[in-house]
């Protein structure tokens, strides 16, 4: 526990919900991102429900509420997966080409 983030530990102690609220916030955020990918075919890194995620991080939701949100999102993702038109595997060359373009722009090649 020497590496423990003291502020995070205190936040979890203060809200007293007996769960890691930052971890739960990221769990919900990532599941919502996965759902968005299946619905739109794109990854949107800007969230539209920032206040909801911050309320989870602040420990304002019960563990049971978060568990229900998680279960609901997982069910929705599973249904979307079944009817998904996304390719089975990523286009590795397209990803490499995109990375090269970003690095060229970043480092002004």
PDB file of N, CA and C in Angstrom:
ATOM      1  N   UNK A   1       0.797  -1.194   0.000  1.00  0.00           N
ATOM      2  CA  UNK A   1       0.000   0.000   0.000  1.00  0.00           C
ATOM      3  C   UNK A   1       0.846   1.267   0.000  1.00  0.00           C
ATOM      4  N   UNK A   2       2.138   1.121  -0.103  1.00  0.00           N
ATOM      5  CA  UNK A   2       3.005   2.294  -0.125  1.00  0.00           C
ATOM      6  C   UNK A   2       2.695   3.189  -1.316  1.00  0.00           C
ATOM      7  N   UNK A   3       2.230   2.617  -2.407  1.00  0.00           N
ATOM      8  CA  UNK A   3       1.967   3.371  -3.625  1.00  0.00           C
ATOM      9  C   UNK A   3       0.550   3.944  -3.663  1.00  0.00           C
ATOM     10  N   UNK A   4      -0.208   3.759  -2.602  1.00  0.00           N
ATOM     11  CA  UNK A   4      -1.604   4.190  -2.590  1.00  0.00           C
ATOM     12  C   UNK A   4      -1.716   5.709  -2.767  1.00  0.00           C
ATOM     13  N   UNK A   5      -2.672   6.122  -3.574  1.00  0.00           N
ATOM     14  CA  UNK A   5      -2.974   7.538  -3.763  1.00  0.00           C
ATOM     15  C   UNK A   5      -3.794   7.989  -2.555  1.00  0.00           C
ATOM     16  N   UNK A   6      -3.184   8.780  -1.704  1.00  0.00           N
ATOM     17  CA  UNK A   6      -3.825   9.170  -0.447  1.00  0.00           C
ATOM     18  C   UNK A   6      -5.124   9.942  -0.673  1.00  0.00           C
ATOM     19  N   UNK A   7      -5.132  10.846  -1.641  1.00  0.00           N
ATOM     20  CA  UNK A   7      -6.343  11.632  -1.908  1.00  0.00           C
ATOM     21  C   UNK A   7      -7.489  10.724  -2.360  1.00  0.00           C
ATOM     22  N   UNK A   8      -7.180   9.773  -3.228  1.00  0.00           N
ATOM     23  CA  UNK A   8      -8.199   8.833  -3.706  1.00  0.00           C
ATOM     24  C   UNK A   8      -8.712   7.979  -2.555  1.00  0.00           C
ATOM     25  N   UNK A   9      -7.798   7.529  -1.710  1.00  0.00           N
ATOM     26  CA  UNK A   9      -8.176   6.722  -0.551  1.00  0.00           C
ATOM     27  C   UNK A   9      -9.114   7.516   0.362  1.00  0.00           C
ATOM     28  N   UNK A  10      -8.773   8.770   0.621  1.00  0.00           N
ATOM     29  CA  UNK A  10      -9.596   9.604   1.499  1.00  0.00           C
ATOM     30  C   UNK A  10     -10.971   9.875   0.889  1.00  0.00           C
ATOM     31  N   UNK A  11     -11.018  10.091  -0.422  1.00  0.00           N
ATOM     32  CA  UNK A  11     -12.308  10.289  -1.093  1.00  0.00           C
ATOM     33  C   UNK A  11     -13.203   9.073  -0.886  1.00  0.00           C
ATOM     34  N   UNK A  12     -12.630   7.887  -1.066  1.00  0.00           N
ATOM     35  CA  UNK A  12     -13.405   6.659  -0.882  1.00  0.00           C
ATOM     36  C   UNK A  12     -13.819   6.471   0.572  1.00  0.00           C
ATOM     37  N   UNK A  13     -12.967   6.853   1.495  1.00  0.00           N
ATOM     38  CA  UNK A  13     -13.312   6.773   2.912  1.00  0.00           C
ATOM     39  C   UNK A  13     -14.435   7.756   3.251  1.00  0.00           C
ATOM     40  N   UNK A  14     -14.368   8.953   2.695  1.00  0.00           N
ATOM     41  CA  UNK A  14     -15.345   9.994   3.022  1.00  0.00           C
ATOM     42  C   UNK A  14     -16.741   9.651   2.521  1.00  0.00           C
ATOM     43  N   UNK A  15     -16.839   9.110   1.303  1.00  0.00           N
ATOM     44  CA  UNK A  15     -18.191   8.801   0.829  1.00  0.00           C
ATOM     45  C   UNK A  15     -18.716   7.512   1.433  1.00  0.00           C
ATOM     46  N   UNK A  16     -17.837   6.674   1.953  1.00  0.00           N
ATOM     47  CA  UNK A  16     -18.251   5.504   2.721  1.00  0.00           C
ATOM     48  C   UNK A  16     -19.058   4.464   1.973  1.00  0.00           C
ATOM     49  N   UNK A  17     -18.953   4.423   0.658  1.00  0.00           N
ATOM     50  CA  UNK A  17     -19.751   3.483  -0.129  1.00  0.00           C
ATOM     51  C   UNK A  17     -19.100   2.109  -0.258  1.00  0.00           C
ATOM     52  N   UNK A  18     -17.887   1.963   0.240  1.00  0.00           N
ATOM     53  CA  UNK A  18     -17.172   0.678   0.222  1.00  0.00           C
ATOM     54  C   UNK A  18     -16.839   0.208  -1.194  1.00  0.00           C
ATOM     55  N   UNK A  19     -16.617   1.146  -2.103  1.00  0.00           N
ATOM     56  CA  UNK A  19     -16.124   0.804  -3.433  1.00  0.00           C
ATOM     57  C   UNK A  19     -15.183   1.901  -3.897  1.00  0.00           C
ATOM     58  N   UNK A  20     -14.347   1.567  -4.865  1.00  0.00           N
ATOM     59  CA  UNK A  20     -13.406   2.533  -5.432  1.00  0.00           C
ATOM     60  C   UNK A  20     -14.168   3.361  -6.459  1.00  0.00           C
ATOM     61  N   UNK A  21     -14.544   4.564  -6.079  1.00  0.00           N
ATOM     62  CA  UNK A  21     -15.429   5.373  -6.924  1.00  0.00           C
ATOM     63  C   UNK A  21     -14.774   5.796  -8.236  1.00  0.00           C
ATOM     64  N   UNK A  22     -13.473   6.038  -8.230  1.00  0.00           N
ATOM     65  CA  UNK A  22     -12.797   6.409  -9.480  1.00  0.00           C
ATOM     66  C   UNK A  22     -12.804   5.224 -10.444  1.00  0.00           C
ATOM     67  N   UNK A  23     -12.557   4.037  -9.913  1.00  0.00           N
ATOM     68  CA  UNK A  23     -12.585   2.835 -10.735  1.00  0.00           C
ATOM     69  C   UNK A  23     -13.975   2.631 -11.332  1.00  0.00           C
ATOM     70  N   UNK A  24     -15.004   2.822 -10.521  1.00  0.00           N
ATOM     71  CA  UNK A  24     -16.373   2.634 -11.004  1.00  0.00           C
ATOM     72  C   UNK A  24     -16.738   3.674 -12.061  1.00  0.00           C
ATOM     73  N   UNK A  25     -16.272   4.901 -11.876  1.00  0.00           N
ATOM     74  CA  UNK A  25     -16.531   5.943 -12.869  1.00  0.00           C
ATOM     75  C   UNK A  25     -15.924   5.550 -14.210  1.00  0.00           C
ATOM     76  N   UNK A  26     -14.682   5.071 -14.170  1.00  0.00           N
ATOM     77  CA  UNK A  26     -14.028   4.674 -15.418  1.00  0.00           C
ATOM     78  C   UNK A  26     -14.683   3.423 -16.017  1.00  0.00           C
ATOM     79  N   UNK A  27     -15.162   2.522 -15.182  1.00  0.00           N
ATOM     80  CA  UNK A  27     -15.867   1.337 -15.681  1.00  0.00           C
ATOM     81  C   UNK A  27     -17.093   1.756 -16.484  1.00  0.00           C
ATOM     82  N   UNK A  28     -17.894   2.645 -15.920  1.00  0.00           N
ATOM     83  CA  UNK A  28     -19.093   3.129 -16.616  1.00  0.00           C
ATOM     84  C   UNK A  28     -18.701   3.878 -17.881  1.00  0.00           C
ATOM     85  N   UNK A  29     -17.697   4.730 -17.794  1.00  0.00           N
ATOM     86  CA  UNK A  29     -17.257   5.507 -18.963  1.00  0.00           C
ATOM     87  C   UNK A  29     -16.810   4.588 -20.094  1.00  0.00           C
ATOM     88  N   UNK A  30     -16.038   3.557 -19.761  1.00  0.00           N
ATOM     89  CA  UNK A  30     -15.543   2.644 -20.798  1.00  0.00           C
ATOM     90  C   UNK A  30     -16.668   1.811 -21.405  1.00  0.00           C
ATOM     91  N   UNK A  31     -17.615   1.378 -20.575  1.00  0.00           N
ATOM     92  CA  UNK A  31     -18.758   0.635 -21.115  1.00  0.00           C
ATOM     93  C   UNK A  31     -19.600   1.531 -22.022  1.00  0.00           C
ATOM     94  N   UNK A  32     -19.791   2.778 -21.630  1.00  0.00           N
ATOM     95  CA  UNK A  32     -20.527   3.710 -22.484  1.00  0.00           C
ATOM     96  C   UNK A  32     -19.776   3.959 -23.792  1.00  0.00           C
ATOM     97  N   UNK A  33     -18.455   4.005 -23.727  1.00  0.00           N
ATOM     98  CA  UNK A  33     -17.653   4.171 -24.947  1.00  0.00           C
ATOM     99  C   UNK A  33     -17.813   2.966 -25.865  1.00  0.00           C
ATOM    100  N   UNK A  34     -17.807   1.770 -25.284  1.00  0.00           N
ATOM    101  CA  UNK A  34     -17.988   0.554 -26.081  1.00  0.00           C
ATOM    102  C   UNK A  34     -19.355   0.565 -26.762  1.00  0.00           C
ATOM    103  N   UNK A  35     -20.375   0.959 -26.023  1.00  0.00           N
ATOM    104  CA  UNK A  35     -21.719   1.043 -26.600  1.00  0.00           C
ATOM    105  C   UNK A  35     -21.740   2.039 -27.757  1.00  0.00           C
ATOM    106  N   UNK A  36     -21.095   3.178 -27.576  1.00  0.00           N
ATOM    107  CA  UNK A  36     -21.034   4.209 -28.621  1.00  0.00           C
ATOM    108  C   UNK A  36     -20.332   3.682 -29.871  1.00  0.00           C
ATOM    109  N   UNK A  37     -19.269   2.923 -29.690  1.00  0.00           N
ATOM    110  CA  UNK A  37     -18.552   2.351 -30.835  1.00  0.00           C
ATOM    111  C   UNK A  37     -19.479   1.441 -31.629  1.00  0.00           C
ATOM    112  N   UNK A  38     -20.238   0.604 -30.941  1.00  0.00           N
ATOM    113  CA  UNK A  38     -21.162  -0.286 -31.646  1.00  0.00           C
ATOM    114  C   UNK A  38     -22.288   0.484 -32.324  1.00  0.00           C
ATOM    115  N   UNK A  39     -22.737   1.566 -31.705  1.00  0.00           N
ATOM    116  CA  UNK A  39     -23.845   2.338 -32.273  1.00  0.00           C
ATOM    117  C   UNK A  39     -23.418   3.218 -33.443  1.00  0.00           C
ATOM    118  N   UNK A  40     -22.220   3.781 -33.368  1.00  0.00           N
ATOM    119  CA  UNK A  40     -21.807   4.771 -34.369  1.00  0.00           C
ATOM    120  C   UNK A  40     -20.632   4.333 -35.235  1.00  0.00           C
ATOM    121  N   UNK A  41     -19.893   3.332 -34.773  1.00  0.00           N
ATOM    122  CA  UNK A  41     -18.699   2.903 -35.500  1.00  0.00           C
ATOM    123  C   UNK A  41     -17.493   3.782 -35.237  1.00  0.00           C
ATOM    124  N   UNK A  42     -17.635   4.726 -34.316  1.00  0.00           N
ATOM    125  CA  UNK A  42     -16.523   5.623 -33.992  1.00  0.00           C
ATOM    126  C   UNK A  42     -16.344   5.716 -32.482  1.00  0.00           C
ATOM    127  N   UNK A  43     -15.144   6.101 -32.092  1.00  0.00           N
ATOM    128  CA  UNK A  43     -14.838   6.328 -30.687  1.00  0.00           C
ATOM    129  C   UNK A  43     -14.894   7.818 -30.422  1.00  0.00           C
ATOM    130  N   UNK A  44     -15.744   8.210 -29.508  1.00  0.00           N
ATOM    131  CA  UNK A  44     -15.851   9.613 -29.122  1.00  0.00           C
ATOM    132  C   UNK A  44     -15.245   9.750 -27.729  1.00  0.00           C
ATOM    133  N   UNK A  45     -14.129  10.439 -27.622  1.00  0.00           N
ATOM    134  CA  UNK A  45     -13.464  10.558 -26.326  1.00  0.00           C
ATOM    135  C   UNK A  45     -14.048  11.679 -25.467  1.00  0.00           C
ATOM    136  N   UNK A  46     -14.830  12.544 -26.055  1.00  0.00           N
ATOM    137  CA  UNK A  46     -15.495  13.599 -25.279  1.00  0.00           C
ATOM    138  C   UNK A  46     -16.846  13.075 -24.798  1.00  0.00           C
ATOM    139  N   UNK A  47     -17.013  13.048 -23.493  1.00  0.00           N
ATOM    140  CA  UNK A  47     -18.256  12.522 -22.934  1.00  0.00           C
ATOM    141  C   UNK A  47     -19.311  13.618 -22.868  1.00  0.00           C
ATOM    142  N   UNK A  48     -20.553  13.206 -22.972  1.00  0.00           N
ATOM    143  CA  UNK A  48     -21.660  14.160 -22.893  1.00  0.00           C
ATOM    144  C   UNK A  48     -22.316  14.132 -21.515  1.00  0.00           C
ATOM    145  N   UNK A  49     -21.898  13.192 -20.686  1.00  0.00           N
ATOM    146  CA  UNK A  49     -22.500  13.039 -19.361  1.00  0.00           C
ATOM    147  C   UNK A  49     -21.460  13.223 -18.255  1.00  0.00           C
ATOM    148  N   UNK A  50     -20.667  14.262 -18.402  1.00  0.00           N
ATOM    149  CA  UNK A  50     -19.582  14.523 -17.454  1.00  0.00           C
ATOM    150  C   UNK A  50     -20.093  14.604 -16.013  1.00  0.00           C
ATOM    151  N   UNK A  51     -21.210  15.292 -15.796  1.00  0.00           N
ATOM    152  CA  UNK A  51     -21.724  15.462 -14.430  1.00  0.00           C
ATOM    153  C   UNK A  51     -22.125  14.120 -13.815  1.00  0.00           C
ATOM    154  N   UNK A  52     -22.693  13.240 -14.627  1.00  0.00           N
ATOM    155  CA  UNK A  52     -23.057  11.912 -14.122  1.00  0.00           C
ATOM    156  C   UNK A  52     -21.808  11.134 -13.712  1.00  0.00           C
ATOM    157  N   UNK A  53     -20.781  11.179 -14.556  1.00  0.00           N
ATOM    158  CA  UNK A  53     -19.544  10.465 -14.243  1.00  0.00           C
ATOM    159  C   UNK A  53     -18.873  11.043 -13.002  1.00  0.00           C
ATOM    160  N   UNK A  54     -18.879  12.354 -12.882  1.00  0.00           N
ATOM    161  CA  UNK A  54     -18.280  12.973 -11.694  1.00  0.00           C
ATOM    162  C   UNK A  54     -19.072  12.657 -10.430  1.00  0.00           C
ATOM    163  N   UNK A  55     -20.379  12.491 -10.555  1.00  0.00           N
ATOM    164  CA  UNK A  55     -21.171  12.119  -9.378  1.00  0.00           C
ATOM    165  C   UNK A  55     -20.838  10.697  -8.927  1.00  0.00           C
ATOM    166  N   UNK A  56     -20.541   9.822  -9.880  1.00  0.00           N
ATOM    167  CA  UNK A  56     -20.095   8.469  -9.527  1.00  0.00           C
ATOM    168  C   UNK A  56     -18.750   8.554  -8.824  1.00  0.00           C
ATOM    169  N   UNK A  57     -17.844   9.330  -9.388  1.00  0.00           N
ATOM    170  CA  UNK A  57     -16.508   9.486  -8.801  1.00  0.00           C
ATOM    171  C   UNK A  57     -16.583  10.074  -7.394  1.00  0.00           C
ATOM    172  N   UNK A  58     -17.560  10.947  -7.155  1.00  0.00           N
ATOM    173  CA  UNK A  58     -17.728  11.566  -5.839  1.00  0.00           C
ATOM    174  C   UNK A  58     -18.429  10.642  -4.846  1.00  0.00           C
ATOM    175  N   UNK A  59     -18.853   9.462  -5.318  1.00  0.00           N
ATOM    176  CA  UNK A  59     -19.512   8.513  -4.426  1.00  0.00           C
ATOM    177  C   UNK A  59     -20.967   8.834  -4.170  1.00  0.00           C
ATOM    178  N   UNK A  60     -21.604   9.547  -5.080  1.00  0.00           N
ATOM    179  CA  UNK A  60     -22.994   9.952  -4.898  1.00  0.00           C
ATOM    180  C   UNK A  60     -23.994   8.880  -5.317  1.00  0.00           C
ATOM    181  N   UNK A  61     -23.514   7.808  -5.906  1.00  0.00           N
ATOM    182  CA  UNK A  61     -24.397   6.704  -6.297  1.00  0.00           C
ATOM    183  C   UNK A  61     -24.057   5.486  -5.446  1.00  0.00           C
ATOM    184  N   UNK A  62     -25.072   4.711  -5.150  1.00  0.00           N
ATOM    185  CA  UNK A  62     -24.841   3.499  -4.363  1.00  0.00           C
ATOM    186  C   UNK A  62     -24.196   2.429  -5.246  1.00  0.00           C
ATOM    187  N   UNK A  63     -23.590   1.463  -4.597  1.00  0.00           N
ATOM    188  CA  UNK A  63     -22.979   0.351  -5.321  1.00  0.00           C
ATOM    189  C   UNK A  63     -24.035  -0.361  -6.157  1.00  0.00           C
ATOM    190  N   UNK A  64     -25.228  -0.545  -5.590  1.00  0.00           N
ATOM    191  CA  UNK A  64     -26.298  -1.229  -6.325  1.00  0.00           C
ATOM    192  C   UNK A  64     -26.723  -0.449  -7.567  1.00  0.00           C
ATOM    193  N   UNK A  65     -26.763   0.877  -7.480  1.00  0.00           N
ATOM    194  CA  UNK A  65     -27.098   1.699  -8.653  1.00  0.00           C
ATOM    195  C   UNK A  65     -26.049   1.526  -9.752  1.00  0.00           C
ATOM    196  N   UNK A  66     -24.791   1.533  -9.352  1.00  0.00           N
ATOM    197  CA  UNK A  66     -23.708   1.385 -10.328  1.00  0.00           C
ATOM    198  C   UNK A  66     -23.714  -0.016 -10.915  1.00  0.00           C
ATOM    199  N   UNK A  67     -23.976  -1.013 -10.080  1.00  0.00           N
ATOM    200  CA  UNK A  67     -24.049  -2.389 -10.568  1.00  0.00           C
ATOM    201  C   UNK A  67     -25.172  -2.531 -11.590  1.00  0.00           C
ATOM    202  N   UNK A  68     -26.312  -1.918 -11.334  1.00  0.00           N
ATOM    203  CA  UNK A  68     -27.428  -1.959 -12.282  1.00  0.00           C
ATOM    204  C   UNK A  68     -27.054  -1.259 -13.586  1.00  0.00           C
ATOM    205  N   UNK A  69     -26.392  -0.107 -13.489  1.00  0.00           N
ATOM    206  CA  UNK A  69     -25.938   0.598 -14.696  1.00  0.00           C
ATOM    207  C   UNK A  69     -25.000  -0.290 -15.502  1.00  0.00           C
ATOM    208  N   UNK A  70     -24.085  -0.943 -14.806  1.00  0.00           N
ATOM    209  CA  UNK A  70     -23.111  -1.817 -15.460  1.00  0.00           C
ATOM    210  C   UNK A  70     -23.802  -2.981 -16.152  1.00  0.00           C
ATOM    211  N   UNK A  71     -24.709  -3.634 -15.450  1.00  0.00           N
ATOM    212  CA  UNK A  71     -25.424  -4.775 -16.030  1.00  0.00           C
ATOM    213  C   UNK A  71     -26.243  -4.350 -17.249  1.00  0.00           C
ATOM    214  N   UNK A  72     -26.905  -3.212 -17.154  1.00  0.00           N
ATOM    215  CA  UNK A  72     -27.702  -2.703 -18.275  1.00  0.00           C
ATOM    216  C   UNK A  72     -26.820  -2.418 -19.481  1.00  0.00           C
ATOM    217  N   UNK A  73     -25.701  -1.739 -19.246  1.00  0.00           N
ATOM    218  CA  UNK A  73     -24.778  -1.436 -20.347  1.00  0.00           C
ATOM    219  C   UNK A  73     -24.231  -2.714 -20.974  1.00  0.00           C
ATOM    220  N   UNK A  74     -23.876  -3.688 -20.154  1.00  0.00           N
ATOM    221  CA  UNK A  74     -23.355  -4.952 -20.691  1.00  0.00           C
ATOM    222  C   UNK A  74     -24.396  -5.655 -21.557  1.00  0.00           C
ATOM    223  N   UNK A  75     -25.649  -5.660 -21.109  1.00  0.00           N
ATOM    224  CA  UNK A  75     -26.720  -6.272 -21.904  1.00  0.00           C
ATOM    225  C   UNK A  75     -26.894  -5.541 -23.231  1.00  0.00           C
ATOM    226  N   UNK A  76     -26.880  -4.219 -23.188  1.00  0.00           N
ATOM    227  CA  UNK A  76     -27.029  -3.428 -24.414  1.00  0.00           C
ATOM    228  C   UNK A  76     -25.859  -3.681 -25.369  1.00  0.00           C
ATOM    229  N   UNK A  77     -24.658  -3.752 -24.827  1.00  0.00           N
ATOM    230  CA  UNK A  77     -23.473  -4.006 -25.651  1.00  0.00           C
ATOM    231  C   UNK A  77     -23.557  -5.386 -26.291  1.00  0.00           C
ATOM    232  N   UNK A  78     -23.985  -6.380 -25.529  1.00  0.00           N
ATOM    233  CA  UNK A  78     -24.118  -7.736 -26.078  1.00  0.00           C
ATOM    234  C   UNK A  78     -25.124  -7.768 -27.223  1.00  0.00           C
ATOM    235  N   UNK A  79     -26.249  -7.064 -27.075  1.00  0.00           N
ATOM    236  CA  UNK A  79     -27.251  -7.014 -28.140  1.00  0.00           C
ATOM    237  C   UNK A  79     -26.702  -6.297 -29.370  1.00  0.00           C
ATOM    238  N   UNK A  80     -25.990  -5.211 -29.148  1.00  0.00           N
ATOM    239  CA  UNK A  80     -25.398  -4.476 -30.268  1.00  0.00           C
ATOM    240  C   UNK A  80     -24.323  -5.300 -30.966  1.00  0.00           C
ATOM    241  N   UNK A  81     -23.583  -6.085 -30.212  1.00  0.00           N
ATOM    242  CA  UNK A  81     -22.532  -6.930 -30.780  1.00  0.00           C
ATOM    243  C   UNK A  81     -23.124  -7.936 -31.772  1.00  0.00           C
ATOM    244  N   UNK A  82     -24.248  -8.523 -31.400  1.00  0.00           N
ATOM    245  CA  UNK A  82     -24.886  -9.540 -32.244  1.00  0.00           C
ATOM    246  C   UNK A  82     -25.258  -8.978 -33.612  1.00  0.00           C
ATOM    247  N   UNK A  83     -25.722  -7.739 -33.643  1.00  0.00           N
ATOM    248  CA  UNK A  83     -26.154  -7.143 -34.910  1.00  0.00           C
ATOM    249  C   UNK A  83     -25.112  -6.193 -35.509  1.00  0.00           C
ATOM    250  N   UNK A  84     -23.921  -6.205 -34.966  1.00  0.00           N
ATOM    251  CA  UNK A  84     -22.882  -5.269 -35.399  1.00  0.00           C
ATOM    252  C   UNK A  84     -22.404  -5.546 -36.820  1.00  0.00           C
ATOM    253  N   UNK A  85     -22.132  -4.461 -37.526  1.00  0.00           N
ATOM    254  CA  UNK A  85     -21.526  -4.572 -38.857  1.00  0.00           C
ATOM    255  C   UNK A  85     -20.045  -4.193 -38.818  1.00  0.00           C
ATOM    256  N   UNK A  86     -19.520  -3.995 -37.612  1.00  0.00           N
ATOM    257  CA  UNK A  86     -18.093  -3.690 -37.476  1.00  0.00           C
ATOM    258  C   UNK A  86     -17.270  -4.889 -37.935  1.00  0.00           C
ATOM    259  N   UNK A  87     -16.098  -4.645 -38.509  1.00  0.00           N
ATOM    260  CA  UNK A  87     -15.253  -5.766 -38.931  1.00  0.00           C
ATOM    261  C   UNK A  87     -14.780  -6.578 -37.722  1.00  0.00           C
ATOM    262  N   UNK A  88     -14.528  -7.851 -37.955  1.00  0.00           N
ATOM    263  CA  UNK A  88     -14.070  -8.742 -36.883  1.00  0.00           C
ATOM    264  C   UNK A  88     -12.705  -8.343 -36.340  1.00  0.00           C
ATOM    265  N   UNK A  89     -11.861  -7.818 -37.210  1.00  0.00           N
ATOM    266  CA  UNK A  89     -10.515  -7.424 -36.790  1.00  0.00           C
ATOM    267  C   UNK A  89     -10.253  -5.992 -37.243  1.00  0.00           C
ATOM    268  N   UNK A  90      -9.382  -5.302 -36.533  1.00  0.00           N
ATOM    269  CA  UNK A  90      -9.073  -3.926 -36.937  1.00  0.00           C
ATOM    270  C   UNK A  90      -8.234  -3.886 -38.201  1.00  0.00           C
ATOM    271  N   UNK A  91      -8.270  -2.770 -38.873  1.00  0.00           N
ATOM    272  CA  UNK A  91      -7.437  -2.542 -40.047  1.00  0.00           C
ATOM    273  C   UNK A  91      -6.097  -2.008 -39.542  1.00  0.00           C
ATOM    274  N   UNK A  92      -5.150  -2.923 -39.356  1.00  0.00           N
ATOM    275  CA  UNK A  92      -3.857  -2.559 -38.771  1.00  0.00           C
ATOM    276  C   UNK A  92      -3.110  -1.532 -39.619  1.00  0.00           C
ATOM    277  N   UNK A  93      -3.152  -1.691 -40.928  1.00  0.00           N
ATOM    278  CA  UNK A  93      -2.422  -0.760 -41.791  1.00  0.00           C
ATOM    279  C   UNK A  93      -3.001   0.646 -41.689  1.00  0.00           C
ATOM    280  N   UNK A  94      -4.311   0.742 -41.622  1.00  0.00           N
ATOM    281  CA  UNK A  94      -4.942   2.053 -41.478  1.00  0.00           C
ATOM    282  C   UNK A  94      -4.534   2.700 -40.152  1.00  0.00           C
ATOM    283  N   UNK A  95      -4.461   1.907 -39.098  1.00  0.00           N
ATOM    284  CA  UNK A  95      -4.041   2.431 -37.792  1.00  0.00           C
ATOM    285  C   UNK A  95      -2.601   2.924 -37.837  1.00  0.00           C
ATOM    286  N   UNK A  96      -1.726   2.159 -38.480  1.00  0.00           N
ATOM    287  CA  UNK A  96      -0.317   2.559 -38.604  1.00  0.00           C
ATOM    288  C   UNK A  96      -0.204   3.835 -39.426  1.00  0.00           C
ATOM    289  N   UNK A  97      -0.924   3.894 -40.539  1.00  0.00           N
ATOM    290  CA  UNK A  97      -0.891   5.092 -41.388  1.00  0.00           C
ATOM    291  C   UNK A  97      -1.380   6.326 -40.625  1.00  0.00           C
ATOM    292  N   UNK A  98      -2.425   6.154 -39.843  1.00  0.00           N
ATOM    293  CA  UNK A  98      -2.951   7.261 -39.044  1.00  0.00           C
ATOM    294  C   UNK A  98      -1.928   7.712 -38.011  1.00  0.00           C
ATOM    295  N   UNK A  99      -1.298   6.761 -37.350  1.00  0.00           N
ATOM    296  CA  UNK A  99      -0.269   7.084 -36.362  1.00  0.00           C
ATOM    297  C   UNK A  99       0.896   7.837 -36.998  1.00  0.00           C
ATOM    298  N   UNK A 100       1.319   7.397 -38.172  1.00  0.00           N
ATOM    299  CA  UNK A 100       2.419   8.069 -38.875  1.00  0.00           C
ATOM    300  C   UNK A 100       2.021   9.506 -39.212  1.00  0.00           C
ATOM    301  N   UNK A 101       0.795   9.712 -39.719  1.00  0.00           N
ATOM    302  CA  UNK A 101       0.328  11.068 -40.043  1.00  0.00           C
ATOM    303  C   UNK A 101       0.306  11.964 -38.804  1.00  0.00           C
ATOM    304  N   UNK A 102      -0.154  11.416 -37.695  1.00  0.00           N
ATOM    305  CA  UNK A 102      -0.202  12.192 -36.449  1.00  0.00           C
ATOM    306  C   UNK A 102       1.201  12.574 -36.004  1.00  0.00           C
ATOM    307  N   UNK A 103       2.114  11.608 -36.046  1.00  0.00           N
ATOM    308  CA  UNK A 103       3.492  11.893 -35.625  1.00  0.00           C
ATOM    309  C   UNK A 103       4.173  12.883 -36.560  1.00  0.00           C
ATOM    310  N   UNK A 104       3.909  12.755 -37.853  1.00  0.00           N
ATOM    311  CA  UNK A 104       4.495  13.708 -38.807  1.00  0.00           C
ATOM    312  C   UNK A 104       3.998  15.122 -38.522  1.00  0.00           C
ATOM    313  N   UNK A 105       2.717  15.235 -38.240  1.00  0.00           N
ATOM    314  CA  UNK A 105       2.159  16.550 -37.937  1.00  0.00           C
ATOM    315  C   UNK A 105       2.687  17.068 -36.596  1.00  0.00           C
ATOM    316  N   UNK A 106       2.746  16.196 -35.616  1.00  0.00           N
ATOM    317  CA  UNK A 106       3.214  16.583 -34.289  1.00  0.00           C
ATOM    318  C   UNK A 106       4.667  17.033 -34.310  1.00  0.00           C
ATOM    319  N   UNK A 107       5.494  16.286 -35.019  1.00  0.00           N
ATOM    320  CA  UNK A 107       6.929  16.576 -35.042  1.00  0.00           C
ATOM    321  C   UNK A 107       7.345  17.366 -36.285  1.00  0.00           C
ATOM    322  N   UNK A 108       6.374  17.824 -37.060  1.00  0.00           N
ATOM    323  CA  UNK A 108       6.594  18.674 -38.241  1.00  0.00           C
ATOM    324  C   UNK A 108       7.617  18.112 -39.215  1.00  0.00           C
ATOM    325  N   UNK A 109       7.434  16.893 -39.637  1.00  0.00           N
ATOM    326  CA  UNK A 109       8.351  16.275 -40.618  1.00  0.00           C
ATOM    327  C   UNK A 109       8.144  16.898 -41.966  1.00  0.00           C
TER     328      UNK A 109
END
